[in-house]
Structure formats: C-alpha cells, structure tokens
N, C-alpha and C. Protein backbone atom coordinates (compact mmCIF):
# COMPACT_ATOMS: atom_id res chain seq x y z
N MET A 1 -2.57 2.92 -9.94
CA MET A 1 -2.54 4.24 -10.56
C MET A 1 -3.43 5.23 -9.82
N LEU A 2 -4.63 4.75 -9.41
CA LEU A 2 -5.55 5.61 -8.68
C LEU A 2 -4.94 6.07 -7.36
N LYS A 3 -4.33 5.13 -6.63
CA LYS A 3 -3.73 5.48 -5.34
C LYS A 3 -2.62 6.50 -5.52
N ARG A 4 -1.78 6.32 -6.53
CA ARG A 4 -0.71 7.28 -6.79
C ARG A 4 -1.27 8.66 -7.12
N SER A 5 -2.32 8.67 -7.89
CA SER A 5 -2.92 9.95 -8.30
C SER A 5 -3.51 10.68 -7.09
N ILE A 6 -4.17 9.94 -6.21
CA ILE A 6 -4.75 10.56 -5.03
C ILE A 6 -3.68 11.08 -4.09
N HIS A 7 -2.64 10.29 -3.89
CA HIS A 7 -1.54 10.75 -3.04
C HIS A 7 -0.86 11.98 -3.64
N LEU A 8 -0.68 11.98 -4.93
CA LEU A 8 -0.06 13.13 -5.59
C LEU A 8 -0.95 14.37 -5.47
N PHE A 9 -2.25 14.19 -5.61
CA PHE A 9 -3.18 15.32 -5.48
C PHE A 9 -3.09 15.93 -4.08
N ILE A 10 -3.11 15.08 -3.05
CA ILE A 10 -3.04 15.58 -1.68
C ILE A 10 -1.72 16.32 -1.45
N ALA A 11 -0.63 15.75 -1.95
CA ALA A 11 0.68 16.37 -1.78
C ALA A 11 0.72 17.74 -2.45
N LEU A 12 0.27 17.82 -3.69
CA LEU A 12 0.31 19.08 -4.42
C LEU A 12 -0.65 20.11 -3.83
N PHE A 13 -1.79 19.65 -3.37
CA PHE A 13 -2.76 20.54 -2.74
C PHE A 13 -2.16 21.19 -1.50
N ALA A 14 -1.60 20.35 -0.61
CA ALA A 14 -1.02 20.87 0.64
C ALA A 14 0.17 21.78 0.36
N ILE A 15 1.04 21.36 -0.55
CA ILE A 15 2.22 22.17 -0.85
C ILE A 15 1.83 23.50 -1.48
N SER A 16 0.79 23.48 -2.31
CA SER A 16 0.32 24.72 -2.94
C SER A 16 -0.22 25.70 -1.90
N ILE A 17 -0.99 25.19 -0.94
CA ILE A 17 -1.54 26.03 0.12
C ILE A 17 -0.42 26.63 0.96
N ILE A 18 0.54 25.80 1.35
CA ILE A 18 1.65 26.28 2.18
C ILE A 18 2.51 27.27 1.40
N ALA A 19 2.74 26.99 0.13
CA ALA A 19 3.53 27.91 -0.69
C ALA A 19 2.83 29.26 -0.83
N MET A 20 1.51 29.23 -1.00
CA MET A 20 0.74 30.47 -1.12
C MET A 20 0.85 31.28 0.17
N GLU A 21 0.67 30.63 1.31
CA GLU A 21 0.79 31.35 2.58
C GLU A 21 2.20 31.87 2.79
N THR A 22 3.19 31.09 2.39
CA THR A 22 4.58 31.53 2.51
C THR A 22 4.80 32.82 1.72
N TYR A 23 4.29 32.85 0.51
CA TYR A 23 4.43 34.03 -0.35
C TYR A 23 3.74 35.25 0.28
N ILE A 24 2.52 35.04 0.77
CA ILE A 24 1.76 36.15 1.35
C ILE A 24 2.44 36.69 2.61
N TYR A 25 2.86 35.80 3.50
CA TYR A 25 3.48 36.24 4.75
C TYR A 25 4.87 36.83 4.51
N TRP A 26 5.50 36.43 3.45
CA TRP A 26 6.80 37.02 3.10
C TRP A 26 6.63 38.51 2.77
N HIS A 27 5.53 38.84 2.12
CA HIS A 27 5.32 40.20 1.64
C HIS A 27 4.46 41.07 2.56
N THR A 28 3.71 40.44 3.48
CA THR A 28 2.74 41.22 4.26
C THR A 28 2.78 40.86 5.74
N LYS A 29 2.73 41.90 6.57
CA LYS A 29 2.61 41.74 8.02
C LYS A 29 1.18 42.08 8.40
N PHE A 30 0.43 41.10 8.90
CA PHE A 30 -0.97 41.30 9.21
C PHE A 30 -1.23 41.65 10.68
N ARG A 31 -0.37 41.18 11.57
CA ARG A 31 -0.58 41.39 12.99
C ARG A 31 0.56 42.23 13.58
N PRO A 32 0.27 43.06 14.57
CA PRO A 32 1.33 43.89 15.16
C PRO A 32 2.42 43.09 15.85
N TRP A 33 2.08 41.88 16.32
CA TRP A 33 3.07 41.09 17.03
C TRP A 33 3.89 40.18 16.11
N GLN A 34 3.59 40.18 14.83
CA GLN A 34 4.38 39.39 13.89
C GLN A 34 5.73 40.06 13.64
N PRO A 35 6.77 39.27 13.36
CA PRO A 35 8.09 39.86 13.10
C PRO A 35 8.05 40.88 11.97
N GLU A 36 8.91 41.87 12.08
CA GLU A 36 8.96 42.93 11.06
C GLU A 36 9.56 42.44 9.75
N SER A 37 10.59 41.60 9.85
CA SER A 37 11.30 41.17 8.65
C SER A 37 10.57 40.02 7.96
N SER A 38 10.77 39.93 6.65
CA SER A 38 10.17 38.83 5.89
C SER A 38 10.68 37.48 6.36
N ILE A 39 11.99 37.40 6.59
CA ILE A 39 12.59 36.14 7.04
C ILE A 39 12.04 35.75 8.41
N GLY A 40 11.89 36.74 9.28
CA GLY A 40 11.35 36.48 10.61
C GLY A 40 9.92 35.94 10.54
N ARG A 41 9.12 36.51 9.65
CA ARG A 41 7.74 36.04 9.52
C ARG A 41 7.68 34.62 8.97
N ILE A 42 8.58 34.30 8.05
CA ILE A 42 8.59 32.95 7.48
C ILE A 42 9.04 31.92 8.53
N ILE A 43 10.06 32.27 9.30
CA ILE A 43 10.51 31.36 10.37
C ILE A 43 9.38 31.13 11.36
N TYR A 44 8.69 32.20 11.70
CA TYR A 44 7.55 32.10 12.62
C TYR A 44 6.44 31.24 12.02
N TYR A 45 6.17 31.43 10.73
CA TYR A 45 5.13 30.65 10.05
C TYR A 45 5.45 29.16 10.08
N TYR A 46 6.70 28.83 9.80
CA TYR A 46 7.07 27.41 9.78
C TYR A 46 7.34 26.84 11.18
N SER A 47 7.07 27.64 12.22
CA SER A 47 7.13 27.14 13.58
C SER A 47 5.79 26.60 14.05
N PHE A 48 4.75 26.80 13.24
CA PHE A 48 3.42 26.32 13.61
C PHE A 48 3.32 24.81 13.39
N PHE A 49 2.78 24.13 14.38
CA PHE A 49 2.58 22.68 14.28
C PHE A 49 1.67 22.34 13.11
N THR A 50 0.68 23.19 12.87
CA THR A 50 -0.25 22.98 11.76
C THR A 50 0.49 22.90 10.43
N VAL A 51 1.39 23.84 10.21
CA VAL A 51 2.13 23.89 8.95
C VAL A 51 3.04 22.68 8.81
N LEU A 52 3.77 22.36 9.87
CA LEU A 52 4.72 21.25 9.81
C LEU A 52 4.01 19.91 9.64
N SER A 53 2.88 19.71 10.32
CA SER A 53 2.16 18.44 10.20
C SER A 53 1.59 18.27 8.79
N ASN A 54 1.03 19.34 8.23
CA ASN A 54 0.53 19.27 6.85
C ASN A 54 1.67 19.07 5.86
N LEU A 55 2.80 19.68 6.15
CA LEU A 55 3.96 19.52 5.27
C LEU A 55 4.47 18.09 5.29
N MET A 56 4.51 17.47 6.47
CA MET A 56 4.95 16.08 6.56
C MET A 56 3.96 15.13 5.90
N LEU A 57 2.66 15.43 6.05
CA LEU A 57 1.66 14.62 5.36
C LEU A 57 1.86 14.73 3.85
N ALA A 58 2.09 15.96 3.37
CA ALA A 58 2.31 16.17 1.93
C ALA A 58 3.55 15.44 1.45
N LEU A 59 4.62 15.52 2.23
CA LEU A 59 5.87 14.84 1.85
C LEU A 59 5.67 13.34 1.78
N SER A 60 4.95 12.77 2.75
CA SER A 60 4.73 11.32 2.74
C SER A 60 3.84 10.91 1.56
N CYS A 61 2.85 11.75 1.22
CA CYS A 61 1.98 11.44 0.08
C CYS A 61 2.76 11.54 -1.24
N PHE A 62 3.63 12.53 -1.32
CA PHE A 62 4.46 12.67 -2.52
C PHE A 62 5.40 11.47 -2.65
N TRP A 63 5.92 11.03 -1.53
CA TRP A 63 6.80 9.85 -1.50
C TRP A 63 6.04 8.63 -2.01
N LEU A 64 4.78 8.48 -1.57
CA LEU A 64 3.97 7.33 -1.98
C LEU A 64 3.60 7.41 -3.46
N ALA A 65 3.44 8.61 -3.98
CA ALA A 65 3.13 8.77 -5.40
C ALA A 65 4.30 8.29 -6.26
N ILE A 66 5.50 8.44 -5.74
CA ILE A 66 6.70 8.00 -6.47
C ILE A 66 7.00 6.54 -6.22
N ASN A 67 6.89 6.12 -4.95
CA ASN A 67 7.22 4.74 -4.58
C ASN A 67 6.20 4.22 -3.58
N PRO A 68 5.10 3.63 -4.06
CA PRO A 68 4.02 3.15 -3.17
C PRO A 68 4.46 2.05 -2.20
N ASN A 69 5.55 1.36 -2.51
CA ASN A 69 6.00 0.25 -1.67
C ASN A 69 7.17 0.61 -0.78
N CYS A 70 7.33 1.89 -0.51
CA CYS A 70 8.48 2.34 0.28
C CYS A 70 8.42 1.79 1.71
N HIS A 71 9.55 1.29 2.18
CA HIS A 71 9.65 0.76 3.54
C HIS A 71 10.79 1.42 4.31
N ARG A 72 11.27 2.54 3.85
CA ARG A 72 12.37 3.21 4.54
C ARG A 72 11.90 3.74 5.90
N TYR A 73 12.78 3.65 6.88
CA TYR A 73 12.42 4.08 8.23
C TYR A 73 12.08 5.57 8.27
N SER A 74 12.86 6.39 7.57
CA SER A 74 12.59 7.82 7.56
C SER A 74 11.21 8.13 7.00
N PHE A 75 10.80 7.40 5.97
CA PHE A 75 9.46 7.59 5.42
C PHE A 75 8.40 7.22 6.45
N LYS A 76 8.59 6.11 7.14
CA LYS A 76 7.61 5.65 8.12
C LYS A 76 7.41 6.68 9.23
N VAL A 77 8.51 7.27 9.70
CA VAL A 77 8.42 8.27 10.76
C VAL A 77 7.72 9.53 10.26
N ILE A 78 8.09 9.98 9.07
CA ILE A 78 7.45 11.16 8.49
C ILE A 78 5.97 10.90 8.26
N ARG A 79 5.64 9.71 7.77
CA ARG A 79 4.24 9.35 7.52
C ARG A 79 3.44 9.37 8.81
N LEU A 80 3.97 8.76 9.87
CA LEU A 80 3.24 8.72 11.14
C LEU A 80 3.12 10.12 11.73
N ASN A 81 4.20 10.90 11.65
CA ASN A 81 4.14 12.28 12.14
C ASN A 81 3.08 13.08 11.40
N GLY A 82 3.01 12.87 10.09
CA GLY A 82 2.03 13.59 9.29
C GLY A 82 0.61 13.20 9.64
N LEU A 83 0.35 11.91 9.75
CA LEU A 83 -1.00 11.42 10.05
C LEU A 83 -1.47 11.86 11.44
N VAL A 84 -0.64 11.58 12.45
CA VAL A 84 -1.03 11.94 13.80
C VAL A 84 -1.06 13.47 13.96
N GLY A 85 -0.11 14.14 13.30
CA GLY A 85 -0.04 15.59 13.39
C GLY A 85 -1.29 16.27 12.88
N VAL A 86 -1.81 15.84 11.74
CA VAL A 86 -3.01 16.49 11.20
C VAL A 86 -4.26 16.15 12.03
N ILE A 87 -4.27 14.98 12.67
CA ILE A 87 -5.38 14.67 13.57
C ILE A 87 -5.39 15.65 14.74
N ILE A 88 -4.21 15.84 15.34
CA ILE A 88 -4.10 16.78 16.46
C ILE A 88 -4.44 18.19 16.01
N THR A 89 -3.95 18.56 14.82
CA THR A 89 -4.26 19.89 14.26
C THR A 89 -5.76 20.11 14.18
N THR A 90 -6.47 19.14 13.64
CA THR A 90 -7.91 19.25 13.49
C THR A 90 -8.62 19.31 14.84
N ILE A 91 -8.22 18.45 15.77
CA ILE A 91 -8.86 18.41 17.09
C ILE A 91 -8.63 19.71 17.85
N VAL A 92 -7.37 20.12 17.97
CA VAL A 92 -7.04 21.29 18.77
C VAL A 92 -7.63 22.57 18.16
N TYR A 93 -7.53 22.71 16.84
CA TYR A 93 -8.04 23.93 16.24
C TYR A 93 -9.55 24.04 16.37
N ASN A 94 -10.26 22.98 16.03
CA ASN A 94 -11.72 23.06 16.00
C ASN A 94 -12.36 23.02 17.38
N ILE A 95 -11.67 22.47 18.37
CA ILE A 95 -12.23 22.42 19.72
C ILE A 95 -11.74 23.58 20.59
N VAL A 96 -10.46 23.93 20.44
CA VAL A 96 -9.86 24.92 21.34
C VAL A 96 -9.67 26.29 20.69
N LEU A 97 -9.16 26.31 19.46
CA LEU A 97 -8.69 27.57 18.89
C LEU A 97 -9.67 28.27 17.95
N ARG A 98 -10.57 27.55 17.34
CA ARG A 98 -11.43 28.18 16.33
C ARG A 98 -12.21 29.37 16.89
N SER A 99 -12.69 29.25 18.11
CA SER A 99 -13.51 30.32 18.69
C SER A 99 -12.72 31.58 19.02
N ILE A 100 -11.39 31.45 19.14
CA ILE A 100 -10.58 32.62 19.49
C ILE A 100 -9.66 33.07 18.37
N HIS A 101 -9.64 32.29 17.28
CA HIS A 101 -8.74 32.63 16.18
C HIS A 101 -9.50 33.31 15.05
N THR A 102 -9.01 34.48 14.64
CA THR A 102 -9.59 35.20 13.51
C THR A 102 -8.56 35.27 12.39
N PRO A 103 -8.79 34.57 11.28
CA PRO A 103 -7.83 34.62 10.17
C PRO A 103 -7.66 36.05 9.67
N PRO A 104 -6.50 36.39 9.12
CA PRO A 104 -6.29 37.72 8.56
C PRO A 104 -7.34 38.06 7.51
N PRO A 105 -7.61 39.34 7.31
CA PRO A 105 -8.64 39.76 6.34
C PRO A 105 -8.18 39.57 4.90
N ASN A 106 -7.97 38.34 4.54
CA ASN A 106 -7.48 37.99 3.22
C ASN A 106 -8.21 36.71 2.79
N VAL A 107 -8.92 36.77 1.67
CA VAL A 107 -9.73 35.63 1.23
C VAL A 107 -8.87 34.39 1.03
N LEU A 108 -7.71 34.56 0.43
CA LEU A 108 -6.85 33.41 0.18
C LEU A 108 -6.38 32.77 1.49
N LEU A 109 -6.08 33.60 2.48
CA LEU A 109 -5.64 33.06 3.76
C LEU A 109 -6.78 32.38 4.51
N LYS A 110 -8.00 32.86 4.33
CA LYS A 110 -9.15 32.18 4.94
C LYS A 110 -9.37 30.81 4.32
N ILE A 111 -9.19 30.73 3.00
CA ILE A 111 -9.29 29.43 2.31
C ILE A 111 -8.18 28.50 2.78
N ALA A 112 -6.97 29.06 2.90
CA ALA A 112 -5.83 28.27 3.36
C ALA A 112 -6.04 27.77 4.78
N ASN A 113 -6.62 28.61 5.63
CA ASN A 113 -6.88 28.23 7.02
C ASN A 113 -7.77 27.00 7.11
N GLU A 114 -8.87 27.01 6.35
CA GLU A 114 -9.77 25.85 6.36
C GLU A 114 -9.13 24.64 5.71
N SER A 115 -8.33 24.87 4.70
CA SER A 115 -7.66 23.76 4.01
C SER A 115 -6.70 23.04 4.94
N LEU A 116 -5.89 23.79 5.69
CA LEU A 116 -4.88 23.19 6.56
C LEU A 116 -5.46 22.58 7.82
N HIS A 117 -6.59 23.11 8.28
CA HIS A 117 -7.17 22.63 9.53
C HIS A 117 -8.29 21.60 9.36
N VAL A 118 -8.85 21.53 8.15
CA VAL A 118 -9.98 20.62 7.95
C VAL A 118 -9.83 19.76 6.69
N VAL A 119 -9.70 20.40 5.54
CA VAL A 119 -9.80 19.69 4.26
C VAL A 119 -8.64 18.73 4.04
N ILE A 120 -7.42 19.22 4.13
CA ILE A 120 -6.25 18.37 3.88
C ILE A 120 -6.14 17.25 4.91
N PRO A 121 -6.31 17.53 6.22
CA PRO A 121 -6.30 16.43 7.19
C PRO A 121 -7.34 15.35 6.88
N ALA A 122 -8.54 15.78 6.49
CA ALA A 122 -9.60 14.81 6.17
C ALA A 122 -9.22 13.97 4.96
N LEU A 123 -8.69 14.61 3.93
CA LEU A 123 -8.27 13.87 2.73
C LEU A 123 -7.13 12.91 3.05
N GLY A 124 -6.17 13.37 3.83
CA GLY A 124 -5.03 12.53 4.17
C GLY A 124 -5.43 11.31 4.97
N LEU A 125 -6.27 11.51 5.98
CA LEU A 125 -6.69 10.39 6.82
C LEU A 125 -7.58 9.42 6.07
N LEU A 126 -8.48 9.95 5.25
CA LEU A 126 -9.37 9.08 4.48
C LEU A 126 -8.59 8.25 3.48
N SER A 127 -7.63 8.87 2.80
CA SER A 127 -6.83 8.12 1.83
C SER A 127 -5.99 7.05 2.52
N TRP A 128 -5.48 7.36 3.73
CA TRP A 128 -4.70 6.36 4.47
C TRP A 128 -5.58 5.20 4.88
N PHE A 129 -6.78 5.49 5.38
CA PHE A 129 -7.67 4.43 5.85
C PHE A 129 -8.12 3.52 4.71
N ILE A 130 -8.29 4.10 3.53
CA ILE A 130 -8.76 3.31 2.38
C ILE A 130 -7.62 2.60 1.66
N PHE A 131 -6.55 3.36 1.39
CA PHE A 131 -5.48 2.83 0.54
C PHE A 131 -4.21 2.44 1.29
N GLY A 132 -4.06 2.88 2.53
CA GLY A 132 -2.82 2.60 3.24
C GLY A 132 -1.70 3.53 2.79
N PRO A 133 -0.46 3.03 2.72
CA PRO A 133 -0.05 1.64 2.93
C PRO A 133 -0.05 1.27 4.41
N PHE A 134 -0.23 -0.02 4.66
CA PHE A 134 -0.26 -0.53 6.01
C PHE A 134 1.04 -1.29 6.29
N ARG A 135 1.13 -1.79 7.51
CA ARG A 135 2.35 -2.47 7.98
C ARG A 135 3.56 -1.53 7.91
N ARG A 136 3.34 -0.29 8.27
CA ARG A 136 4.42 0.70 8.29
C ARG A 136 4.68 1.24 9.69
N ILE A 137 3.84 0.86 10.65
CA ILE A 137 3.98 1.38 12.01
C ILE A 137 4.39 0.25 12.95
N ASP A 138 5.39 0.53 13.76
CA ASP A 138 5.78 -0.38 14.84
C ASP A 138 6.31 0.47 15.98
N LEU A 139 6.79 -0.16 17.04
CA LEU A 139 7.24 0.58 18.21
C LEU A 139 8.42 1.48 17.88
N LYS A 140 9.32 1.01 17.03
CA LYS A 140 10.48 1.81 16.66
C LYS A 140 10.06 3.07 15.90
N VAL A 141 9.09 2.94 15.03
CA VAL A 141 8.60 4.09 14.27
C VAL A 141 7.91 5.09 15.21
N ILE A 142 7.13 4.57 16.16
CA ILE A 142 6.47 5.45 17.12
C ILE A 142 7.50 6.20 17.96
N MET A 143 8.56 5.53 18.36
CA MET A 143 9.61 6.20 19.14
C MET A 143 10.27 7.30 18.32
N GLY A 144 10.50 7.03 17.04
CA GLY A 144 11.08 8.05 16.17
C GLY A 144 10.18 9.26 16.05
N ALA A 145 8.88 9.02 15.93
CA ALA A 145 7.92 10.12 15.84
C ALA A 145 7.87 10.91 17.15
N LEU A 146 7.94 10.21 18.28
CA LEU A 146 7.91 10.89 19.57
C LEU A 146 9.16 11.75 19.77
N LEU A 147 10.30 11.26 19.33
CA LEU A 147 11.53 12.05 19.42
C LEU A 147 11.41 13.32 18.58
N SER A 148 10.75 13.22 17.45
CA SER A 148 10.53 14.40 16.61
C SER A 148 9.66 15.42 17.34
N MET A 149 8.64 14.94 18.04
CA MET A 149 7.77 15.81 18.81
C MET A 149 8.53 16.50 19.94
N ILE A 150 9.38 15.75 20.62
CA ILE A 150 10.18 16.32 21.70
C ILE A 150 11.11 17.40 21.14
N GLY A 151 11.73 17.11 19.99
CA GLY A 151 12.60 18.09 19.36
C GLY A 151 11.85 19.36 18.99
N TYR A 152 10.63 19.19 18.48
CA TYR A 152 9.81 20.35 18.13
C TYR A 152 9.48 21.18 19.37
N GLY A 153 9.13 20.51 20.46
CA GLY A 153 8.80 21.21 21.69
C GLY A 153 9.98 21.99 22.24
N ILE A 154 11.15 21.38 22.21
CA ILE A 154 12.37 22.07 22.67
C ILE A 154 12.63 23.30 21.81
N TYR A 155 12.49 23.15 20.50
CA TYR A 155 12.70 24.28 19.59
C TYR A 155 11.75 25.43 19.91
N ILE A 156 10.46 25.13 20.12
CA ILE A 156 9.46 26.16 20.38
C ILE A 156 9.79 26.94 21.64
N PHE A 157 10.19 26.24 22.71
CA PHE A 157 10.46 26.93 23.96
C PHE A 157 11.78 27.69 23.92
N VAL A 158 12.78 27.13 23.26
CA VAL A 158 14.07 27.83 23.14
C VAL A 158 13.90 29.09 22.28
N ARG A 159 13.22 28.95 21.17
CA ARG A 159 12.99 30.11 20.31
C ARG A 159 12.12 31.14 21.01
N GLY A 160 11.09 30.68 21.72
CA GLY A 160 10.23 31.59 22.45
C GLY A 160 10.96 32.35 23.54
N TYR A 161 11.92 31.69 24.16
CA TYR A 161 12.70 32.34 25.23
C TYR A 161 13.45 33.56 24.70
N TYR A 162 13.96 33.45 23.48
CA TYR A 162 14.75 34.54 22.90
C TYR A 162 13.91 35.56 22.13
N THR A 163 12.74 35.16 21.65
CA THR A 163 11.94 36.06 20.81
C THR A 163 10.62 36.49 21.45
N ASN A 164 10.19 35.77 22.50
CA ASN A 164 8.87 35.99 23.11
C ASN A 164 7.73 35.74 22.13
N LEU A 165 7.99 34.93 21.12
CA LEU A 165 6.97 34.56 20.14
C LEU A 165 6.68 33.07 20.26
N TYR A 166 5.41 32.75 20.46
CA TYR A 166 4.97 31.37 20.56
C TYR A 166 3.81 31.17 19.58
N PRO A 167 3.76 30.04 18.89
CA PRO A 167 2.74 29.85 17.85
C PRO A 167 1.32 29.71 18.37
N TYR A 168 1.15 29.30 19.65
CA TYR A 168 -0.20 29.08 20.16
C TYR A 168 -0.36 29.68 21.56
N PRO A 169 -1.55 30.21 21.88
CA PRO A 169 -1.74 30.86 23.17
C PRO A 169 -1.59 29.93 24.36
N PHE A 170 -1.91 28.65 24.20
CA PHE A 170 -1.84 27.74 25.34
C PHE A 170 -0.42 27.31 25.68
N ILE A 171 0.57 27.76 24.90
CA ILE A 171 1.98 27.52 25.25
C ILE A 171 2.76 28.83 25.31
N ASN A 172 2.03 29.94 25.35
CA ASN A 172 2.68 31.25 25.39
C ASN A 172 3.16 31.54 26.81
N VAL A 173 4.43 31.28 27.05
CA VAL A 173 5.00 31.40 28.39
C VAL A 173 4.90 32.82 28.91
N THR A 174 5.04 33.81 28.04
CA THR A 174 5.00 35.20 28.48
C THR A 174 3.63 35.59 29.02
N GLN A 175 2.59 34.87 28.63
CA GLN A 175 1.24 35.19 29.07
C GLN A 175 0.72 34.28 30.18
N ILE A 176 1.09 33.01 30.13
CA ILE A 176 0.52 32.06 31.10
C ILE A 176 1.58 31.43 32.01
N GLY A 177 2.86 31.64 31.72
CA GLY A 177 3.91 31.07 32.56
C GLY A 177 4.29 29.65 32.16
N TYR A 178 5.44 29.20 32.65
CA TYR A 178 5.94 27.88 32.29
C TYR A 178 5.10 26.71 32.80
N PRO A 179 4.60 26.75 34.05
CA PRO A 179 3.82 25.60 34.53
C PRO A 179 2.62 25.27 33.63
N LYS A 180 1.81 26.28 33.30
CA LYS A 180 0.64 26.04 32.46
C LYS A 180 1.04 25.65 31.04
N ALA A 181 2.09 26.28 30.52
CA ALA A 181 2.54 25.97 29.16
C ALA A 181 3.05 24.54 29.07
N LEU A 182 3.85 24.13 30.06
CA LEU A 182 4.39 22.78 30.06
C LEU A 182 3.29 21.74 30.27
N PHE A 183 2.30 22.08 31.08
CA PHE A 183 1.17 21.18 31.28
C PHE A 183 0.40 20.98 29.97
N ALA A 184 0.19 22.08 29.23
CA ALA A 184 -0.50 21.99 27.94
C ALA A 184 0.29 21.16 26.95
N VAL A 185 1.60 21.35 26.95
CA VAL A 185 2.46 20.57 26.05
C VAL A 185 2.40 19.09 26.41
N SER A 186 2.40 18.78 27.70
CA SER A 186 2.34 17.38 28.12
C SER A 186 1.01 16.74 27.69
N GLU A 187 -0.07 17.52 27.71
CA GLU A 187 -1.36 17.00 27.25
C GLU A 187 -1.31 16.68 25.76
N VAL A 188 -0.72 17.59 24.97
CA VAL A 188 -0.61 17.35 23.53
C VAL A 188 0.29 16.15 23.26
N PHE A 189 1.37 16.03 24.04
CA PHE A 189 2.29 14.90 23.87
C PHE A 189 1.59 13.58 24.17
N LEU A 190 0.82 13.53 25.24
CA LEU A 190 0.08 12.31 25.58
C LEU A 190 -0.97 12.00 24.51
N LEU A 191 -1.59 13.04 23.97
CA LEU A 191 -2.55 12.85 22.88
C LEU A 191 -1.84 12.26 21.67
N PHE A 192 -0.64 12.76 21.39
CA PHE A 192 0.14 12.23 20.27
C PHE A 192 0.45 10.75 20.48
N VAL A 193 0.87 10.40 21.70
CA VAL A 193 1.19 9.00 22.01
C VAL A 193 -0.05 8.12 21.81
N GLY A 194 -1.17 8.55 22.36
CA GLY A 194 -2.39 7.78 22.24
C GLY A 194 -2.83 7.60 20.80
N LEU A 195 -2.76 8.67 20.01
CA LEU A 195 -3.16 8.59 18.61
C LEU A 195 -2.20 7.74 17.79
N ALA A 196 -0.91 7.79 18.13
CA ALA A 196 0.07 6.97 17.42
C ALA A 196 -0.23 5.48 17.60
N PHE A 197 -0.54 5.09 18.84
CA PHE A 197 -0.88 3.69 19.10
C PHE A 197 -2.23 3.33 18.50
N LEU A 198 -3.15 4.29 18.45
CA LEU A 198 -4.44 4.05 17.81
C LEU A 198 -4.25 3.80 16.32
N CYS A 199 -3.41 4.60 15.68
CA CYS A 199 -3.11 4.39 14.26
C CYS A 199 -2.46 3.03 14.04
N TRP A 200 -1.60 2.62 14.95
CA TRP A 200 -0.95 1.31 14.87
C TRP A 200 -2.01 0.21 14.94
N ALA A 201 -2.98 0.36 15.85
CA ALA A 201 -4.04 -0.64 15.99
C ALA A 201 -4.93 -0.68 14.75
N ILE A 202 -5.29 0.50 14.25
CA ILE A 202 -6.12 0.56 13.04
C ILE A 202 -5.38 -0.06 11.86
N GLU A 203 -4.11 0.25 11.74
CA GLU A 203 -3.30 -0.30 10.66
C GLU A 203 -3.26 -1.83 10.74
N TYR A 204 -3.10 -2.35 11.95
CA TYR A 204 -3.04 -3.80 12.14
C TYR A 204 -4.35 -4.46 11.70
N LEU A 205 -5.47 -3.85 12.10
CA LEU A 205 -6.77 -4.40 11.75
C LEU A 205 -7.02 -4.29 10.25
N ARG A 206 -6.63 -3.18 9.64
CA ARG A 206 -6.85 -3.00 8.21
C ARG A 206 -5.96 -3.95 7.39
N SER A 207 -4.75 -4.20 7.87
CA SER A 207 -3.83 -5.05 7.12
C SER A 207 -4.26 -6.51 7.15
N ARG A 208 -5.14 -6.89 8.05
CA ARG A 208 -5.60 -8.29 8.13
C ARG A 208 -6.73 -8.58 7.17
N LYS A 209 -7.32 -7.50 6.59
CA LYS A 209 -8.44 -7.72 5.68
C LYS A 209 -7.96 -8.15 4.30
C-alpha cells in the first residue's frame, strides 16, 4: 500500500506541474521567439526532453500504482525512458543550462521549473531505488528505449528544420550549425546508453538482496 501511494503521489505531482505549465503557456507568450498561437506554444512545450521524461516517469508511476506487478514490455520501456530521462534532465540542466536559463517572471513557473528539473527526478529515482520494481530491464528493453530516443531526435531536427525552433541551445542548428548540434546529440545519446546500462546493473544488484 505504501509503495502504491508513493508512486501515485509522484505521478499526480508530475502531472499537476505539467498540466499547470500547459495551461499557462496556452494562455501566455513569455518570450518573443515563442510561437504566437496557443497550439504552437503547446507543441513547442511538449517538444522539451524535460517535459517528456517527467511525463514518462509519471506515467510509469501511475501504472505501478494501479498494477505493481506489471511486466508488459511497453511499461518497461516507458519506465526506463522515464528513469534515465529524468537523470539526464537533472544533469544537463544543473550543469549546463541553469547558468544561462532564466525562468519566466511567473512564480508558478519558477516552482514548476525546480520541480521538473530537481524535485520530481529525485523523488522518482529514490522511489525506484528503494521500492523498485526490479527485474524489468534487459537488453530488449534498452533497445526499445534507445529507439524512442532516436525517434525523439529525428522529430526535433525535422520540426526545427521547418520552424527554426529548437528546445535547447546546444542543438539549435540555426545558431551553431549541424555539426555541433549533432555532436551534442551524440553525447546525450551516449549518456543515455551508459545510464541505461547503469540502471540495469543497479537493478540486478538490488534484485539480489
């Protein structure tokens, strides 16, 4: 019961934060380079890796709150994407982006920013390390997660080609060009691979206890 409650709390917390930001960005344009239309701003918002990784973590936690013993392949891929995704979100934001990123002048959005980049990832990873579930990661699951990452990367560059909008400065082709952008993406991809295998190793060790 405790595990279900914690997973449900994390899911509802993350979904509430994302829903709040969705509502705010639907009604307000804070930056001159943001799309003019509400739909455009929402599509742009959901193109951020931060949002998608937190959303997948929330979905996997909600899934666990309903069915703690789930072994479906789709769940395993979403769970791994969520876990590794929020680790990357925390690392990249706090090491690379925090010094150059200024949240909009909105108290709620500042709270949401810290929640998505620090609080929710910490809660998600801590709950996974303590409660699991374990024995959910294998090579097939890692391959599924990597294919999802490749699909996301293709989407970002294709959309950016037509809109000149990129979610992060280190992949902004219009400012730094394709070579530097692709190199940055390859670094993130390798980080994802390394963290996925690290999670697999941690899961293996935890499941033996």
